[in-house]
Amino acid sequence: MVIVGIVGVCVVLAVLAFLLPRLSRHPERGTQRTLGVGSRAGSKAPGILGRIFSKPFRSSSRAVSRSGSAGRRTRGRLPF
C-alpha cells in the first residue's frame, strides 16, 4: 500500500513538474521533508535496524526527487 502511495506521488509530481515547473518545487520539498522525518525516526533504532528502517524513506525521497526533476527536464526539452 505504501509503494502504491509513493508511485502515485511520483506520478503527480512528474505531471505537475511538466505542466507547472516552478510551482512543482513546493510540493516536492514538502514530500521530501515528510519522508525525511520518517527516515530520521527510523534511523534512531539501534544498530542495523536503524539502516533497515530508514532505507525505504531514503529511496522514496530519491524517487520523488527524480520524478520532479524528470518532469522539469522534459519540459525544458520541448521546442516551444
Protein backbone atom coordinates (compact mmCIF):
# COMPACT_ATOMS: atom_id res chain seq x y z
CA MET A 1 0.00 0.00 0.00
CA VAL A 2 2.83 2.38 0.79
CA ILE A 3 4.53 1.58 -2.52
CA VAL A 4 1.37 2.47 -4.41
CA GLY A 5 1.20 5.75 -2.50
CA ILE A 6 4.80 6.66 -3.34
CA VAL A 7 4.29 5.75 -7.00
CA GLY A 8 1.16 7.94 -7.05
CA VAL A 9 3.03 10.86 -5.51
CA CYS A 10 5.83 10.46 -8.06
CA VAL A 11 3.38 10.44 -10.96
CA VAL A 12 1.55 13.51 -9.66
CA LEU A 13 4.84 15.36 -9.13
CA ALA A 14 6.11 14.43 -12.60
CA VAL A 15 2.92 15.70 -14.24
CA LEU A 16 2.92 18.84 -12.10
CA ALA A 17 6.59 19.47 -12.90
CA PHE A 18 5.85 19.08 -16.60
CA LEU A 19 2.85 21.41 -16.58
CA LEU A 20 3.96 23.98 -13.98
CA PRO A 21 7.72 23.63 -13.43
CA ARG A 22 8.12 26.49 -10.95
CA LEU A 23 5.08 25.62 -8.88
CA SER A 24 6.12 21.96 -8.57
CA ARG A 25 9.06 22.67 -6.27
CA HIS A 26 6.98 23.42 -3.18
CA PRO A 27 5.05 20.10 -3.19
CA GLU A 28 8.28 18.25 -3.95
CA ARG A 29 10.05 19.83 -0.98
CA GLY A 30 7.09 19.14 1.28
CA THR A 31 7.07 15.48 0.27
CA GLN A 32 10.81 15.22 0.80
CA ARG A 33 10.51 16.89 4.19
CA THR A 34 7.87 14.37 5.25
CA LEU A 35 9.96 11.44 4.04
CA GLY A 36 12.99 12.91 5.81
CA VAL A 37 11.13 12.88 9.11
CA GLY A 38 10.34 9.19 8.60
CA SER A 39 13.94 8.45 7.70
CA ARG A 40 15.26 10.21 10.79
CA ALA A 41 12.75 8.43 13.00
CA GLY A 42 13.67 5.05 11.51
CA SER A 43 17.38 5.67 11.89
CA LYS A 44 17.03 6.06 15.65
CA ALA A 45 16.61 2.30 16.01
CA PRO A 46 19.76 0.63 17.31
CA GLY A 47 22.36 -0.91 15.04
CA ILE A 48 21.50 -2.39 11.69
CA LEU A 49 17.78 -1.95 12.35
CA GLY A 50 18.24 1.80 12.01
CA ARG A 51 19.56 1.43 8.49
CA ILE A 52 16.87 -1.07 7.59
CA PHE A 53 14.04 1.13 8.89
CA SER A 54 15.32 4.34 7.29
CA LYS A 55 16.18 2.92 3.85
CA PRO A 56 12.63 2.88 2.40
CA PHE A 57 12.23 6.56 3.25
CA ARG A 58 15.57 7.47 1.69
CA SER A 59 14.84 5.60 -1.53
CA SER A 60 11.34 7.09 -1.69
CA SER A 61 12.77 10.57 -1.26
CA ARG A 62 15.23 9.90 -4.06
CA ALA A 63 12.38 8.68 -6.32
CA VAL A 64 10.33 11.82 -5.59
CA SER A 65 13.32 14.00 -6.44
CA ARG A 66 13.98 12.14 -9.67
CA SER A 67 10.38 12.29 -10.85
CA GLY A 68 10.15 16.03 -10.25
CA SER A 69 13.43 16.76 -11.99
CA ALA A 70 12.49 14.46 -14.89
CA GLY A 71 9.26 16.39 -15.46
CA ARG A 72 11.08 19.72 -15.43
CA ARG A 73 13.84 18.37 -17.68
CA THR A 74 11.31 17.04 -20.19
CA ARG A 75 9.50 20.36 -20.21
CA GLY A 76 12.79 22.13 -20.87
CA ARG A 77 13.49 19.97 -23.90
CA LEU A 78 10.26 20.89 -25.66
CA PRO A 79 10.66 23.15 -28.68
CA PHE A 80 8.01 25.65 -27.53
